[in-house]
Amino acid sequence: SGRRNPLREEIITPGYLDARGEARAIRQLQDARTPLILVPNRPTREFGPNVFGRDYSQDLMQFIEANYSACAIFGPVKDRRLKIGDPPFFIRASCLQSTP
C-alpha cells in the first residue's frame, strides 16, 4: 500500500503496551492523522487477556471508536455490526472520521 505504520509496534497483543505506551500510540496516530486502522478480531487467550479493547488496551480502543468509523469488514461474515470479541474471525477496517 505504500503506507508507513505510524506505530513502533507491528502488533499489539497483551503486555506490549503499558499505560504510557498506549498514550504514546494514541499520540502517534493523532499526529500522523492515520487514515485507516485494521483491528483483527483474534482471541489472545494465550497471552492472558482475551479481547482487544475490552480486556486490554481499552484507552486505545476508545480513541479508535471516538475518531474512526467502521468502513469495511474482511472475513467470512461481512457485517459491520460485528464487535471485536464476537465469535467469527474478521478484520475490521476503521476509517478516520472527517473533522469539520
N, C-alpha and C. Protein backbone atom coordinates (compact mmCIF):
# COMPACT_ATOMS: atom_id res chain seq x y z
N SER A 1 0.82 -1.19 0.00
CA SER A 1 0.00 0.00 0.00
C SER A 1 0.86 1.26 0.00
N GLY A 2 2.12 1.13 0.32
CA GLY A 2 2.98 2.30 0.35
C GLY A 2 2.76 3.17 1.57
N ARG A 3 1.98 2.70 2.51
CA ARG A 3 1.71 3.49 3.72
C ARG A 3 2.61 3.02 4.85
N ARG A 4 3.13 3.96 5.58
CA ARG A 4 4.01 3.70 6.69
C ARG A 4 3.19 3.49 7.96
N ASN A 5 3.57 2.52 8.77
CA ASN A 5 2.92 2.29 10.05
C ASN A 5 3.39 3.38 11.01
N PRO A 6 2.48 4.17 11.58
CA PRO A 6 2.89 5.25 12.48
C PRO A 6 3.35 4.77 13.86
N LEU A 7 3.11 3.50 14.17
CA LEU A 7 3.46 2.97 15.49
C LEU A 7 4.77 2.18 15.44
N ARG A 8 5.45 2.14 16.56
CA ARG A 8 6.65 1.29 16.67
C ARG A 8 6.28 -0.18 16.63
N GLU A 9 5.13 -0.51 17.20
CA GLU A 9 4.68 -1.89 17.30
C GLU A 9 3.99 -2.30 16.01
N GLU A 10 4.30 -3.50 15.54
CA GLU A 10 3.59 -4.02 14.38
C GLU A 10 2.29 -4.68 14.80
N ILE A 11 2.29 -5.24 16.01
CA ILE A 11 1.09 -5.85 16.57
C ILE A 11 0.96 -5.39 18.01
N ILE A 12 -0.24 -5.39 18.49
CA ILE A 12 -0.46 -5.02 19.89
C ILE A 12 -1.24 -6.15 20.54
N THR A 13 -0.50 -7.01 21.21
CA THR A 13 -1.11 -8.08 21.98
C THR A 13 -0.91 -7.76 23.45
N PRO A 14 -1.61 -8.44 24.33
CA PRO A 14 -1.48 -8.13 25.76
C PRO A 14 -0.02 -8.12 26.21
N GLY A 15 0.32 -7.10 26.97
CA GLY A 15 1.66 -6.99 27.52
C GLY A 15 2.61 -6.12 26.70
N TYR A 16 2.25 -5.76 25.48
CA TYR A 16 3.13 -4.94 24.65
C TYR A 16 3.08 -3.47 25.06
N LEU A 17 1.91 -2.99 25.44
CA LEU A 17 1.77 -1.58 25.78
C LEU A 17 1.33 -1.42 27.23
N ASP A 18 2.11 -0.66 27.99
CA ASP A 18 1.64 -0.26 29.31
C ASP A 18 0.87 1.05 29.12
N ALA A 19 0.45 1.70 30.19
CA ALA A 19 -0.35 2.93 30.08
C ALA A 19 0.40 4.01 29.31
N ARG A 20 1.68 4.17 29.57
CA ARG A 20 2.48 5.19 28.85
C ARG A 20 2.60 4.84 27.37
N GLY A 21 2.81 3.56 27.08
CA GLY A 21 2.92 3.13 25.69
C GLY A 21 1.62 3.31 24.93
N GLU A 22 0.52 3.07 25.61
CA GLU A 22 -0.79 3.25 24.98
C GLU A 22 -1.03 4.73 24.68
N ALA A 23 -0.69 5.61 25.62
CA ALA A 23 -0.83 7.06 25.40
C ALA A 23 0.06 7.51 24.24
N ARG A 24 1.28 6.97 24.17
CA ARG A 24 2.19 7.31 23.07
C ARG A 24 1.60 6.86 21.74
N ALA A 25 1.05 5.65 21.70
CA ALA A 25 0.46 5.13 20.46
C ALA A 25 -0.68 6.03 20.00
N ILE A 26 -1.51 6.47 20.93
CA ILE A 26 -2.62 7.36 20.58
C ILE A 26 -2.08 8.67 20.01
N ARG A 27 -1.07 9.25 20.65
CA ARG A 27 -0.46 10.49 20.14
C ARG A 27 0.10 10.29 18.74
N GLN A 28 0.77 9.16 18.51
CA GLN A 28 1.34 8.90 17.19
C GLN A 28 0.25 8.78 16.12
N LEU A 29 -0.85 8.12 16.45
CA LEU A 29 -1.96 8.02 15.49
C LEU A 29 -2.55 9.39 15.21
N GLN A 30 -2.69 10.21 16.25
CA GLN A 30 -3.21 11.57 16.07
C GLN A 30 -2.27 12.41 15.23
N ASP A 31 -0.99 12.40 15.58
CA ASP A 31 -0.01 13.23 14.87
C ASP A 31 0.10 12.86 13.40
N ALA A 32 0.00 11.57 13.10
CA ALA A 32 0.12 11.11 11.72
C ALA A 32 -1.20 11.23 10.95
N ARG A 33 -2.27 11.56 11.68
CA ARG A 33 -3.61 11.57 11.07
C ARG A 33 -3.81 10.28 10.27
N THR A 34 -3.53 9.19 10.94
CA THR A 34 -3.61 7.86 10.33
C THR A 34 -4.99 7.66 9.72
N PRO A 35 -5.06 7.42 8.41
CA PRO A 35 -6.37 7.35 7.76
C PRO A 35 -7.11 6.03 7.96
N LEU A 36 -6.38 4.95 8.27
CA LEU A 36 -7.01 3.64 8.32
C LEU A 36 -6.36 2.80 9.42
N ILE A 37 -7.19 2.16 10.22
CA ILE A 37 -6.71 1.24 11.26
C ILE A 37 -7.39 -0.09 11.05
N LEU A 38 -6.60 -1.16 11.05
CA LEU A 38 -7.13 -2.52 10.92
C LEU A 38 -7.03 -3.20 12.28
N VAL A 39 -8.15 -3.73 12.75
CA VAL A 39 -8.18 -4.45 14.02
C VAL A 39 -8.69 -5.85 13.76
N PRO A 40 -7.81 -6.86 13.93
CA PRO A 40 -8.29 -8.23 13.76
C PRO A 40 -9.05 -8.70 15.00
N ASN A 41 -10.12 -9.39 14.76
CA ASN A 41 -10.89 -9.99 15.85
C ASN A 41 -10.28 -11.36 16.12
N ARG A 42 -9.19 -11.34 16.87
CA ARG A 42 -8.46 -12.56 17.16
C ARG A 42 -8.33 -12.72 18.66
N PRO A 43 -8.90 -13.78 19.21
CA PRO A 43 -8.75 -14.01 20.65
C PRO A 43 -7.27 -14.17 21.00
N THR A 44 -6.90 -13.65 22.16
CA THR A 44 -5.49 -13.71 22.59
C THR A 44 -5.37 -14.42 23.94
N ARG A 45 -6.15 -15.48 24.12
CA ARG A 45 -6.13 -16.21 25.39
C ARG A 45 -4.73 -16.66 25.81
N GLU A 46 -3.90 -16.99 24.83
CA GLU A 46 -2.56 -17.48 25.17
C GLU A 46 -1.70 -16.43 25.87
N PHE A 47 -2.12 -15.16 25.81
CA PHE A 47 -1.41 -14.08 26.49
C PHE A 47 -2.09 -13.68 27.80
N GLY A 48 -3.21 -14.29 28.11
CA GLY A 48 -3.98 -13.93 29.31
C GLY A 48 -5.25 -13.21 28.90
N PRO A 49 -5.21 -11.87 28.83
CA PRO A 49 -6.41 -11.13 28.39
C PRO A 49 -6.81 -11.57 26.97
N ASN A 50 -8.10 -11.67 26.73
CA ASN A 50 -8.60 -12.29 25.52
C ASN A 50 -8.98 -11.33 24.40
N VAL A 51 -9.59 -10.18 24.72
CA VAL A 51 -10.19 -9.33 23.70
C VAL A 51 -9.59 -7.92 23.73
N PHE A 52 -9.03 -7.49 22.59
CA PHE A 52 -8.50 -6.13 22.44
C PHE A 52 -9.62 -5.13 22.66
N GLY A 53 -9.35 -4.12 23.46
CA GLY A 53 -10.33 -3.07 23.71
C GLY A 53 -11.28 -3.36 24.85
N ARG A 54 -11.40 -4.60 25.23
CA ARG A 54 -12.25 -4.97 26.36
C ARG A 54 -11.39 -5.44 27.53
N ASP A 55 -10.46 -6.36 27.26
CA ASP A 55 -9.62 -6.93 28.31
C ASP A 55 -8.25 -6.27 28.40
N TYR A 56 -7.86 -5.57 27.38
CA TYR A 56 -6.60 -4.83 27.37
C TYR A 56 -6.69 -3.72 26.31
N SER A 57 -5.84 -2.72 26.43
CA SER A 57 -5.79 -1.57 25.51
C SER A 57 -7.14 -0.87 25.35
N GLN A 58 -7.83 -0.69 26.48
CA GLN A 58 -9.14 -0.03 26.45
C GLN A 58 -9.03 1.42 25.98
N ASP A 59 -8.01 2.16 26.44
CA ASP A 59 -7.88 3.56 26.03
C ASP A 59 -7.66 3.67 24.53
N LEU A 60 -6.83 2.80 23.98
CA LEU A 60 -6.57 2.82 22.54
C LEU A 60 -7.85 2.52 21.77
N MET A 61 -8.61 1.54 22.22
CA MET A 61 -9.86 1.21 21.53
C MET A 61 -10.87 2.36 21.66
N GLN A 62 -10.93 2.99 22.82
CA GLN A 62 -11.83 4.14 22.97
C GLN A 62 -11.45 5.26 22.01
N PHE A 63 -10.15 5.49 21.85
CA PHE A 63 -9.69 6.51 20.89
C PHE A 63 -10.13 6.14 19.47
N ILE A 64 -9.94 4.88 19.10
CA ILE A 64 -10.32 4.44 17.75
C ILE A 64 -11.82 4.61 17.55
N GLU A 65 -12.62 4.18 18.51
CA GLU A 65 -14.08 4.27 18.36
C GLU A 65 -14.57 5.72 18.34
N ALA A 66 -13.87 6.62 19.02
CA ALA A 66 -14.28 8.03 19.05
C ALA A 66 -13.88 8.78 17.78
N ASN A 67 -12.84 8.32 17.10
CA ASN A 67 -12.29 9.09 15.99
C ASN A 67 -12.37 8.40 14.63
N TYR A 68 -12.77 7.15 14.63
CA TYR A 68 -12.83 6.36 13.39
C TYR A 68 -14.20 5.70 13.29
N SER A 69 -14.58 5.38 12.07
CA SER A 69 -15.83 4.64 11.88
C SER A 69 -15.53 3.40 11.04
N ALA A 70 -16.25 2.33 11.33
CA ALA A 70 -16.06 1.09 10.58
C ALA A 70 -16.38 1.36 9.12
N CYS A 71 -15.42 1.04 8.24
CA CYS A 71 -15.65 1.28 6.81
C CYS A 71 -15.61 -0.02 6.00
N ALA A 72 -15.16 -1.11 6.61
CA ALA A 72 -15.17 -2.41 5.93
C ALA A 72 -14.95 -3.51 6.95
N ILE A 73 -15.45 -4.67 6.60
CA ILE A 73 -15.21 -5.89 7.38
C ILE A 73 -14.66 -6.92 6.41
N PHE A 74 -13.54 -7.53 6.77
CA PHE A 74 -12.94 -8.58 5.95
C PHE A 74 -13.06 -9.90 6.70
N GLY A 75 -13.55 -10.90 6.03
CA GLY A 75 -13.71 -12.20 6.65
C GLY A 75 -14.93 -12.89 6.09
N PRO A 76 -15.24 -14.08 6.60
CA PRO A 76 -16.36 -14.85 6.05
C PRO A 76 -17.72 -14.20 6.31
N VAL A 77 -17.84 -13.42 7.39
CA VAL A 77 -19.10 -12.73 7.70
C VAL A 77 -18.84 -11.24 7.57
N LYS A 78 -19.54 -10.59 6.66
CA LYS A 78 -19.31 -9.17 6.38
C LYS A 78 -20.42 -8.32 6.97
N ASP A 79 -20.42 -8.20 8.27
CA ASP A 79 -21.46 -7.45 8.97
C ASP A 79 -20.77 -6.38 9.81
N ARG A 80 -20.96 -5.12 9.46
CA ARG A 80 -20.30 -4.01 10.17
C ARG A 80 -20.75 -3.88 11.61
N ARG A 81 -21.83 -4.55 11.97
CA ARG A 81 -22.28 -4.51 13.36
C ARG A 81 -21.47 -5.45 14.26
N LEU A 82 -20.66 -6.32 13.67
CA LEU A 82 -19.82 -7.22 14.48
C LEU A 82 -18.91 -6.40 15.37
N LYS A 83 -18.74 -6.87 16.58
CA LYS A 83 -17.87 -6.20 17.54
C LYS A 83 -16.65 -7.07 17.80
N ILE A 84 -15.55 -6.42 18.12
CA ILE A 84 -14.36 -7.15 18.49
C ILE A 84 -14.73 -8.00 19.71
N GLY A 85 -14.46 -9.29 19.64
CA GLY A 85 -14.84 -10.23 20.70
C GLY A 85 -15.99 -11.13 20.30
N ASP A 86 -16.73 -10.78 19.22
CA ASP A 86 -17.79 -11.65 18.72
C ASP A 86 -17.17 -12.92 18.15
N PRO A 87 -17.95 -14.00 18.03
CA PRO A 87 -17.38 -15.29 17.64
C PRO A 87 -16.63 -15.38 16.31
N PRO A 88 -17.10 -14.88 15.16
CA PRO A 88 -16.34 -15.19 13.94
C PRO A 88 -15.05 -14.38 13.85
N PHE A 89 -14.07 -14.96 13.15
CA PHE A 89 -12.86 -14.19 12.86
C PHE A 89 -13.18 -13.18 11.78
N PHE A 90 -12.70 -11.95 11.94
CA PHE A 90 -12.81 -10.93 10.91
C PHE A 90 -11.76 -9.87 11.20
N ILE A 91 -11.57 -9.00 10.24
CA ILE A 91 -10.71 -7.83 10.43
C ILE A 91 -11.59 -6.63 10.17
N ARG A 92 -11.63 -5.73 11.14
CA ARG A 92 -12.42 -4.51 10.97
C ARG A 92 -11.51 -3.38 10.52
N ALA A 93 -11.87 -2.76 9.42
CA ALA A 93 -11.17 -1.57 8.93
C ALA A 93 -11.93 -0.36 9.43
N SER A 94 -11.21 0.54 10.08
CA SER A 94 -11.83 1.76 10.59
C SER A 94 -11.16 2.95 9.91
N CYS A 95 -12.00 3.82 9.34
CA CYS A 95 -11.51 4.98 8.60
C CYS A 95 -11.64 6.24 9.47
N LEU A 96 -10.64 7.10 9.39
CA LEU A 96 -10.64 8.35 10.13
C LEU A 96 -11.86 9.17 9.76
N GLN A 97 -12.59 9.63 10.76
CA GLN A 97 -13.76 10.48 10.51
C GLN A 97 -13.26 11.87 10.13
N SER A 98 -13.93 12.47 9.19
CA SER A 98 -13.53 13.83 8.81
C SER A 98 -13.96 14.79 9.91
N THR A 99 -13.14 15.80 10.12
CA THR A 99 -13.44 16.80 11.14
C THR A 99 -13.91 18.07 10.46
N PRO A 100 -14.90 18.75 11.04
CA PRO A 100 -15.44 19.96 10.42
C PRO A 100 -14.44 21.10 10.42
